[in-house]
Amino acid sequence: MSAVVEYDCIVVGAGIEGSASAYHLAKKKQRTLLLEQFGLPHTRGSSHGQSRITRFSYRQKHYMQMMEEAFPLWSVLEKETKTTLFR
């Protein structure tokens, strides 16, 4: 008989948005389950490939505000993982 596991949050999709959400939930001590339909890493996501671009300017104001918050968080993630994410 399997043990029952309870989660505070379940995130569906391990793309950039889902992974970021699960990462921050786990940092806040939330029992988090991240589900992805494909094995990782895979080439089916919109963030795949060498030629991806990160925009800072958007027509929609809320996207621009998100980017202002995101860039410092990318730096924190680089330090925590000892990985260069931007060149």
PDB file of N, CA and C in Angstrom:
ATOM      1  N   MET A   1       0.843  -1.186   0.000  1.00  0.00           N
ATOM      2  CA  MET A   1       0.000   0.000   0.000  1.00  0.00           C
ATOM      3  C   MET A   1       0.882   1.241   0.000  1.00  0.00           C
ATOM      4  N   SER A   2       0.569   2.176  -0.853  1.00  0.00           N
ATOM      5  CA  SER A   2       1.346   3.407  -0.976  1.00  0.00           C
ATOM      6  C   SER A   2       0.966   4.401   0.117  1.00  0.00           C
ATOM      7  N   ALA A   3       1.960   5.182   0.522  1.00  0.00           N
ATOM      8  CA  ALA A   3       1.690   6.248   1.478  1.00  0.00           C
ATOM      9  C   ALA A   3       1.027   7.415   0.759  1.00  0.00           C
ATOM     10  N   VAL A   4       0.126   8.078   1.432  1.00  0.00           N
ATOM     11  CA  VAL A   4      -0.543   9.250   0.869  1.00  0.00           C
ATOM     12  C   VAL A   4       0.346  10.461   1.112  1.00  0.00           C
ATOM     13  N   VAL A   5       0.609  11.213   0.040  1.00  0.00           N
ATOM     14  CA  VAL A   5       1.418  12.425   0.145  1.00  0.00           C
ATOM     15  C   VAL A   5       0.504  13.614  -0.082  1.00  0.00           C
ATOM     16  N   GLU A   6       0.572  14.574   0.804  1.00  0.00           N
ATOM     17  CA  GLU A   6      -0.237  15.784   0.659  1.00  0.00           C
ATOM     18  C   GLU A   6       0.660  16.945   0.275  1.00  0.00           C
ATOM     19  N   TYR A   7       0.134  17.812  -0.605  1.00  0.00           N
ATOM     20  CA  TYR A   7       0.867  18.984  -1.069  1.00  0.00           C
ATOM     21  C   TYR A   7       0.068  20.235  -0.757  1.00  0.00           C
ATOM     22  N   ASP A   8       0.784  21.315  -0.525  1.00  0.00           N
ATOM     23  CA  ASP A   8       0.143  22.620  -0.379  1.00  0.00           C
ATOM     24  C   ASP A   8      -0.229  23.166  -1.750  1.00  0.00           C
ATOM     25  N   CYS A   9       0.637  22.894  -2.732  1.00  0.00           N
ATOM     26  CA  CYS A   9       0.456  23.421  -4.088  1.00  0.00           C
ATOM     27  C   CYS A   9       0.874  22.377  -5.109  1.00  0.00           C
ATOM     28  N   ILE A  10       0.155  22.340  -6.206  1.00  0.00           N
ATOM     29  CA  ILE A  10       0.534  21.517  -7.351  1.00  0.00           C
ATOM     30  C   ILE A  10       0.618  22.445  -8.555  1.00  0.00           C
ATOM     31  N   VAL A  11       1.771  22.450  -9.213  1.00  0.00           N
ATOM     32  CA  VAL A  11       1.988  23.289 -10.383  1.00  0.00           C
ATOM     33  C   VAL A  11       2.021  22.374 -11.603  1.00  0.00           C
ATOM     34  N   VAL A  12       1.196  22.686 -12.593  1.00  0.00           N
ATOM     35  CA  VAL A  12       1.120  21.884 -13.808  1.00  0.00           C
ATOM     36  C   VAL A  12       1.910  22.586 -14.901  1.00  0.00           C
ATOM     37  N   GLY A  13       2.964  21.927 -15.372  1.00  0.00           N
ATOM     38  CA  GLY A  13       3.818  22.476 -16.420  1.00  0.00           C
ATOM     39  C   GLY A  13       5.129  22.983 -15.855  1.00  0.00           C
ATOM     40  N   ALA A  14       6.230  22.380 -16.305  1.00  0.00           N
ATOM     41  CA  ALA A  14       7.554  22.740 -15.790  1.00  0.00           C
ATOM     42  C   ALA A  14       8.315  23.646 -16.749  1.00  0.00           C
ATOM     43  N   GLY A  15       7.583  24.475 -17.484  1.00  0.00           N
ATOM     44  CA  GLY A  15       8.226  25.484 -18.317  1.00  0.00           C
ATOM     45  C   GLY A  15       8.750  26.606 -17.435  1.00  0.00           C
ATOM     46  N   ILE A  16       9.075  27.717 -18.032  1.00  0.00           N
ATOM     47  CA  ILE A  16       9.675  28.816 -17.273  1.00  0.00           C
ATOM     48  C   ILE A  16       8.727  29.345 -16.195  1.00  0.00           C
ATOM     49  N   GLU A  17       7.470  29.500 -16.514  1.00  0.00           N
ATOM     50  CA  GLU A  17       6.506  30.013 -15.535  1.00  0.00           C
ATOM     51  C   GLU A  17       6.248  29.003 -14.417  1.00  0.00           C
ATOM     52  N   GLY A  18       5.997  27.761 -14.791  1.00  0.00           N
ATOM     53  CA  GLY A  18       5.727  26.728 -13.792  1.00  0.00           C
ATOM     54  C   GLY A  18       6.927  26.452 -12.908  1.00  0.00           C
ATOM     55  N   SER A  19       8.107  26.382 -13.523  1.00  0.00           N
ATOM     56  CA  SER A  19       9.324  26.135 -12.737  1.00  0.00           C
ATOM     57  C   SER A  19       9.600  27.267 -11.766  1.00  0.00           C
ATOM     58  N   ALA A  20       9.435  28.496 -12.233  1.00  0.00           N
ATOM     59  CA  ALA A  20       9.648  29.648 -11.355  1.00  0.00           C
ATOM     60  C   ALA A  20       8.638  29.650 -10.209  1.00  0.00           C
ATOM     61  N   SER A  21       7.400  29.341 -10.527  1.00  0.00           N
ATOM     62  CA  SER A  21       6.365  29.302  -9.484  1.00  0.00           C
ATOM     63  C   SER A  21       6.679  28.234  -8.445  1.00  0.00           C
ATOM     64  N   ALA A  22       7.026  27.034  -8.913  1.00  0.00           N
ATOM     65  CA  ALA A  22       7.340  25.945  -7.989  1.00  0.00           C
ATOM     66  C   ALA A  22       8.566  26.271  -7.146  1.00  0.00           C
ATOM     67  N   TYR A  23       9.560  26.868  -7.745  1.00  0.00           N
ATOM     68  CA  TYR A  23      10.788  27.258  -7.039  1.00  0.00           C
ATOM     69  C   TYR A  23      10.473  28.213  -5.888  1.00  0.00           C
ATOM     70  N   HIS A  24       9.684  29.243  -6.167  1.00  0.00           N
ATOM     71  CA  HIS A  24       9.379  30.225  -5.123  1.00  0.00           C
ATOM     72  C   HIS A  24       8.435  29.659  -4.069  1.00  0.00           C
ATOM     73  N   LEU A  25       7.521  28.805  -4.460  1.00  0.00           N
ATOM     74  CA  LEU A  25       6.664  28.152  -3.468  1.00  0.00           C
ATOM     75  C   LEU A  25       7.489  27.282  -2.527  1.00  0.00           C
ATOM     76  N   ALA A  26       8.408  26.513  -3.089  1.00  0.00           N
ATOM     77  CA  ALA A  26       9.259  25.647  -2.265  1.00  0.00           C
ATOM     78  C   ALA A  26      10.147  26.474  -1.340  1.00  0.00           C
ATOM     79  N   LYS A  27      10.651  27.604  -1.825  1.00  0.00           N
ATOM     80  CA  LYS A  27      11.465  28.481  -0.971  1.00  0.00           C
ATOM     81  C   LYS A  27      10.658  29.024   0.205  1.00  0.00           C
ATOM     82  N   LYS A  28       9.344  29.134   0.011  1.00  0.00           N
ATOM     83  CA  LYS A  28       8.465  29.600   1.091  1.00  0.00           C
ATOM     84  C   LYS A  28       7.945  28.440   1.932  1.00  0.00           C
ATOM     85  N   LYS A  29       8.637  27.294   1.814  1.00  0.00           N
ATOM     86  CA  LYS A  29       8.335  26.095   2.617  1.00  0.00           C
ATOM     87  C   LYS A  29       6.960  25.496   2.313  1.00  0.00           C
ATOM     88  N   GLN A  30       6.475  25.702   1.107  1.00  0.00           N
ATOM     89  CA  GLN A  30       5.238  25.069   0.676  1.00  0.00           C
ATOM     90  C   GLN A  30       5.577  23.694   0.103  1.00  0.00           C
ATOM     91  N   ARG A  31       4.832  22.686   0.504  1.00  0.00           N
ATOM     92  CA  ARG A  31       5.036  21.351  -0.068  1.00  0.00           C
ATOM     93  C   ARG A  31       4.489  21.402  -1.492  1.00  0.00           C
ATOM     94  N   THR A  32       5.399  21.389  -2.458  1.00  0.00           N
ATOM     95  CA  THR A  32       5.049  21.682  -3.846  1.00  0.00           C
ATOM     96  C   THR A  32       5.353  20.501  -4.756  1.00  0.00           C
ATOM     97  N   LEU A  33       4.406  20.182  -5.615  1.00  0.00           N
ATOM     98  CA  LEU A  33       4.580  19.158  -6.633  1.00  0.00           C
ATOM     99  C   LEU A  33       4.557  19.848  -7.988  1.00  0.00           C
ATOM    100  N   LEU A  34       5.601  19.624  -8.789  1.00  0.00           N
ATOM    101  CA  LEU A  34       5.696  20.187 -10.139  1.00  0.00           C
ATOM    102  C   LEU A  34       5.517  19.051 -11.136  1.00  0.00           C
ATOM    103  N   LEU A  35       4.505  19.156 -11.977  1.00  0.00           N
ATOM    104  CA  LEU A  35       4.198  18.116 -12.954  1.00  0.00           C
ATOM    105  C   LEU A  35       4.545  18.582 -14.363  1.00  0.00           C
ATOM    106  N   GLU A  36       5.137  17.685 -15.156  1.00  0.00           N
ATOM    107  CA  GLU A  36       5.461  17.981 -16.559  1.00  0.00           C
ATOM    108  C   GLU A  36       5.127  16.753 -17.381  1.00  0.00           C
ATOM    109  N   GLN A  37       4.512  16.954 -18.526  1.00  0.00           N
ATOM    110  CA  GLN A  37       4.104  15.814 -19.349  1.00  0.00           C
ATOM    111  C   GLN A  37       5.256  15.153 -20.093  1.00  0.00           C
ATOM    112  N   PHE A  38       6.354  15.882 -20.302  1.00  0.00           N
ATOM    113  CA  PHE A  38       7.494  15.328 -21.019  1.00  0.00           C
ATOM    114  C   PHE A  38       8.669  15.161 -20.064  1.00  0.00           C
ATOM    115  N   GLY A  39       9.572  14.251 -20.386  1.00  0.00           N
ATOM    116  CA  GLY A  39      10.794  14.093 -19.607  1.00  0.00           C
ATOM    117  C   GLY A  39      11.677  15.330 -19.754  1.00  0.00           C
ATOM    118  N   LEU A  40      12.378  15.689 -18.698  1.00  0.00           N
ATOM    119  CA  LEU A  40      13.237  16.882 -18.736  1.00  0.00           C
ATOM    120  C   LEU A  40      14.690  16.514 -18.947  1.00  0.00           C
ATOM    121  N   PRO A  41      15.460  17.276 -19.657  1.00  0.00           N
ATOM    122  CA  PRO A  41      15.002  18.406 -20.471  1.00  0.00           C
ATOM    123  C   PRO A  41      14.404  17.889 -21.775  1.00  0.00           C
ATOM    124  N   HIS A  42      13.561  18.701 -22.401  1.00  0.00           N
ATOM    125  CA  HIS A  42      12.975  18.331 -23.689  1.00  0.00           C
ATOM    126  C   HIS A  42      12.993  19.548 -24.619  1.00  0.00           C
ATOM    127  N   THR A  43      12.681  19.323 -25.869  1.00  0.00           N
ATOM    128  CA  THR A  43      12.764  20.386 -26.880  1.00  0.00           C
ATOM    129  C   THR A  43      11.397  20.911 -27.289  1.00  0.00           C
ATOM    130  N   ARG A  44      10.378  20.625 -26.529  1.00  0.00           N
ATOM    131  CA  ARG A  44       9.021  21.011 -26.925  1.00  0.00           C
ATOM    132  C   ARG A  44       8.546  22.323 -26.316  1.00  0.00           C
ATOM    133  N   GLY A  45       9.322  22.920 -25.428  1.00  0.00           N
ATOM    134  CA  GLY A  45       8.891  24.134 -24.743  1.00  0.00           C
ATOM    135  C   GLY A  45       9.235  25.412 -25.488  1.00  0.00           C
ATOM    136  N   SER A  46       8.543  26.483 -25.158  1.00  0.00           N
ATOM    137  CA  SER A  46       8.787  27.764 -25.818  1.00  0.00           C
ATOM    138  C   SER A  46      10.104  28.398 -25.380  1.00  0.00           C
ATOM    139  N   SER A  47      10.699  27.918 -24.297  1.00  0.00           N
ATOM    140  CA  SER A  47      11.966  28.464 -23.815  1.00  0.00           C
ATOM    141  C   SER A  47      13.169  27.692 -24.336  1.00  0.00           C
ATOM    142  N   HIS A  48      12.943  26.764 -25.238  1.00  0.00           N
ATOM    143  CA  HIS A  48      14.025  25.906 -25.738  1.00  0.00           C
ATOM    144  C   HIS A  48      14.816  26.602 -26.845  1.00  0.00           C
ATOM    145  N   GLY A  49      16.098  26.344 -26.888  1.00  0.00           N
ATOM    146  CA  GLY A  49      16.918  26.777 -28.011  1.00  0.00           C
ATOM    147  C   GLY A  49      17.928  27.840 -27.639  1.00  0.00           C
ATOM    148  N   GLN A  50      18.925  27.990 -28.483  1.00  0.00           N
ATOM    149  CA  GLN A  50      20.020  28.937 -28.250  1.00  0.00           C
ATOM    150  C   GLN A  50      19.632  30.374 -28.562  1.00  0.00           C
ATOM    151  N   SER A  51      18.608  30.582 -29.359  1.00  0.00           N
ATOM    152  CA  SER A  51      18.318  31.935 -29.846  1.00  0.00           C
ATOM    153  C   SER A  51      17.167  32.613 -29.114  1.00  0.00           C
ATOM    154  N   ARG A  52      16.899  32.201 -27.916  1.00  0.00           N
ATOM    155  CA  ARG A  52      15.801  32.813 -27.162  1.00  0.00           C
ATOM    156  C   ARG A  52      16.180  34.227 -26.735  1.00  0.00           C
ATOM    157  N   ILE A  53      15.165  35.067 -26.595  1.00  0.00           N
ATOM    158  CA  ILE A  53      15.390  36.462 -26.223  1.00  0.00           C
ATOM    159  C   ILE A  53      14.571  36.782 -24.983  1.00  0.00           C
ATOM    160  N   THR A  54      15.108  37.614 -24.133  1.00  0.00           N
ATOM    161  CA  THR A  54      14.383  38.118 -22.969  1.00  0.00           C
ATOM    162  C   THR A  54      14.130  39.599 -23.201  1.00  0.00           C
ATOM    163  N   ARG A  55      12.884  39.968 -23.235  1.00  0.00           N
ATOM    164  CA  ARG A  55      12.525  41.358 -23.494  1.00  0.00           C
ATOM    165  C   ARG A  55      12.321  42.112 -22.192  1.00  0.00           C
ATOM    166  N   PHE A  56      12.669  43.376 -22.208  1.00  0.00           N
ATOM    167  CA  PHE A  56      12.401  44.232 -21.063  1.00  0.00           C
ATOM    168  C   PHE A  56      11.263  45.194 -21.394  1.00  0.00           C
ATOM    169  N   SER A  57      11.022  45.407 -22.660  1.00  0.00           N
ATOM    170  CA  SER A  57      10.009  46.358 -23.106  1.00  0.00           C
ATOM    171  C   SER A  57       8.824  45.610 -23.704  1.00  0.00           C
ATOM    172  N   TYR A  58       7.645  45.926 -23.190  1.00  0.00           N
ATOM    173  CA  TYR A  58       6.401  45.337 -23.681  1.00  0.00           C
ATOM    174  C   TYR A  58       5.367  46.433 -23.835  1.00  0.00           C
ATOM    175  N   ARG A  59       4.386  46.158 -24.649  1.00  0.00           N
ATOM    176  CA  ARG A  59       3.281  47.100 -24.813  1.00  0.00           C
ATOM    177  C   ARG A  59       2.420  47.155 -23.542  1.00  0.00           C
ATOM    178  N   GLN A  60       2.253  45.994 -22.903  1.00  0.00           N
ATOM    179  CA  GLN A  60       1.411  45.910 -21.710  1.00  0.00           C
ATOM    180  C   GLN A  60       2.236  46.289 -20.476  1.00  0.00           C
ATOM    181  N   LYS A  61       1.713  47.201 -19.689  1.00  0.00           N
ATOM    182  CA  LYS A  61       2.421  47.718 -18.522  1.00  0.00           C
ATOM    183  C   LYS A  61       2.726  46.617 -17.499  1.00  0.00           C
ATOM    184  N   HIS A  62       1.800  45.685 -17.308  1.00  0.00           N
ATOM    185  CA  HIS A  62       2.026  44.654 -16.289  1.00  0.00           C
ATOM    186  C   HIS A  62       3.210  43.759 -16.642  1.00  0.00           C
ATOM    187  N   TYR A  63       3.455  43.530 -17.942  1.00  0.00           N
ATOM    188  CA  TYR A  63       4.636  42.751 -18.330  1.00  0.00           C
ATOM    189  C   TYR A  63       5.923  43.515 -18.013  1.00  0.00           C
ATOM    190  N   MET A  64       5.916  44.810 -18.239  1.00  0.00           N
ATOM    191  CA  MET A  64       7.100  45.612 -17.930  1.00  0.00           C
ATOM    192  C   MET A  64       7.381  45.596 -16.430  1.00  0.00           C
ATOM    193  N   GLN A  65       6.339  45.664 -15.620  1.00  0.00           N
ATOM    194  CA  GLN A  65       6.509  45.606 -14.169  1.00  0.00           C
ATOM    195  C   GLN A  65       7.048  44.233 -13.750  1.00  0.00           C
ATOM    196  N   MET A  66       6.570  43.180 -14.393  1.00  0.00           N
ATOM    197  CA  MET A  66       7.065  41.841 -14.079  1.00  0.00           C
ATOM    198  C   MET A  66       8.555  41.728 -14.396  1.00  0.00           C
ATOM    199  N   MET A  67       8.978  42.308 -15.501  1.00  0.00           N
ATOM    200  CA  MET A  67      10.389  42.235 -15.880  1.00  0.00           C
ATOM    201  C   MET A  67      11.263  43.020 -14.899  1.00  0.00           C
ATOM    202  N   GLU A  68      10.774  44.147 -14.416  1.00  0.00           N
ATOM    203  CA  GLU A  68      11.524  44.911 -13.409  1.00  0.00           C
ATOM    204  C   GLU A  68      11.744  44.078 -12.153  1.00  0.00           C
ATOM    205  N   GLU A  69      10.773  43.264 -11.800  1.00  0.00           N
ATOM    206  CA  GLU A  69      10.903  42.380 -10.643  1.00  0.00           C
ATOM    207  C   GLU A  69      11.748  41.147 -10.965  1.00  0.00           C
ATOM    208  N   ALA A  70      11.677  40.675 -12.211  1.00  0.00           N
ATOM    209  CA  ALA A  70      12.310  39.409 -12.580  1.00  0.00           C
ATOM    210  C   ALA A  70      13.831  39.489 -12.658  1.00  0.00           C
ATOM    211  N   PHE A  71      14.369  40.575 -13.203  1.00  0.00           N
ATOM    212  CA  PHE A  71      15.812  40.614 -13.412  1.00  0.00           C
ATOM    213  C   PHE A  71      16.615  40.484 -12.119  1.00  0.00           C
ATOM    214  N   PRO A  72      16.264  41.166 -11.049  1.00  0.00           N
ATOM    215  CA  PRO A  72      16.997  40.934  -9.795  1.00  0.00           C
ATOM    216  C   PRO A  72      16.844  39.497  -9.292  1.00  0.00           C
ATOM    217  N   LEU A  73      15.692  38.881  -9.530  1.00  0.00           N
ATOM    218  CA  LEU A  73      15.482  37.495  -9.103  1.00  0.00           C
ATOM    219  C   LEU A  73      16.331  36.530  -9.923  1.00  0.00           C
ATOM    220  N   TRP A  74      16.568  36.845 -11.201  1.00  0.00           N
ATOM    221  CA  TRP A  74      17.472  36.016 -12.011  1.00  0.00           C
ATOM    222  C   TRP A  74      18.872  36.042 -11.414  1.00  0.00           C
ATOM    223  N   SER A  75      19.295  37.216 -10.960  1.00  0.00           N
ATOM    224  CA  SER A  75      20.625  37.328 -10.345  1.00  0.00           C
ATOM    225  C   SER A  75      20.726  36.480  -9.086  1.00  0.00           C
ATOM    226  N   VAL A  76      19.682  36.489  -8.283  1.00  0.00           N
ATOM    227  CA  VAL A  76      19.656  35.663  -7.069  1.00  0.00           C
ATOM    228  C   VAL A  76      19.757  34.188  -7.448  1.00  0.00           C
ATOM    229  N   LEU A  77      19.008  33.783  -8.464  1.00  0.00           N
ATOM    230  CA  LEU A  77      19.034  32.386  -8.898  1.00  0.00           C
ATOM    231  C   LEU A  77      20.422  32.000  -9.418  1.00  0.00           C
ATOM    232  N   GLU A  78      21.075  32.893 -10.145  1.00  0.00           N
ATOM    233  CA  GLU A  78      22.431  32.615 -10.614  1.00  0.00           C
ATOM    234  C   GLU A  78      23.377  32.374  -9.436  1.00  0.00           C
ATOM    235  N   LYS A  79      23.264  33.190  -8.405  1.00  0.00           N
ATOM    236  CA  LYS A  79      24.134  33.031  -7.229  1.00  0.00           C
ATOM    237  C   LYS A  79      23.825  31.739  -6.493  1.00  0.00           C
ATOM    238  N   GLU A  80      22.537  31.437  -6.316  1.00  0.00           N
ATOM    239  CA  GLU A  80      22.148  30.225  -5.582  1.00  0.00           C
ATOM    240  C   GLU A  80      22.570  28.954  -6.309  1.00  0.00           C
ATOM    241  N   THR A  81      22.542  28.972  -7.631  1.00  0.00           N
ATOM    242  CA  THR A  81      22.848  27.768  -8.399  1.00  0.00           C
ATOM    243  C   THR A  81      24.268  27.761  -8.968  1.00  0.00           C
ATOM    244  N   LYS A  82      24.992  28.880  -8.743  1.00  0.00           N
ATOM    245  CA  LYS A  82      26.341  29.015  -9.304  1.00  0.00           C
ATOM    246  C   LYS A  82      26.350  28.736 -10.809  1.00  0.00           C
ATOM    247  N   THR A  83      25.356  29.315 -11.479  1.00  0.00           N
ATOM    248  CA  THR A  83      25.186  29.124 -12.916  1.00  0.00           C
ATOM    249  C   THR A  83      24.976  30.471 -13.595  1.00  0.00           C
ATOM    250  N   THR A  84      25.647  30.681 -14.723  1.00  0.00           N
ATOM    251  CA  THR A  84      25.438  31.893 -15.502  1.00  0.00           C
ATOM    252  C   THR A  84      24.217  31.700 -16.390  1.00  0.00           C
ATOM    253  N   LEU A  85      23.215  32.561 -16.227  1.00  0.00           N
ATOM    254  CA  LEU A  85      22.002  32.449 -17.006  1.00  0.00           C
ATOM    255  C   LEU A  85      21.944  33.485 -18.131  1.00  0.00           C
ATOM    256  N   PHE A  86      22.572  34.627 -17.932  1.00  0.00           N
ATOM    257  CA  PHE A  86      22.613  35.682 -18.938  1.00  0.00           C
ATOM    258  C   PHE A  86      24.047  36.007 -19.288  1.00  0.00           C
ATOM    259  N   ARG A  87      24.293  36.249 -20.570  1.00  0.00           N
ATOM    260  CA  ARG A  87      25.618  36.638 -21.035  1.00  0.00           C
ATOM    261  C   ARG A  87      25.527  37.955 -21.743  1.00  0.00           C
TER     262      ARG A  87
END
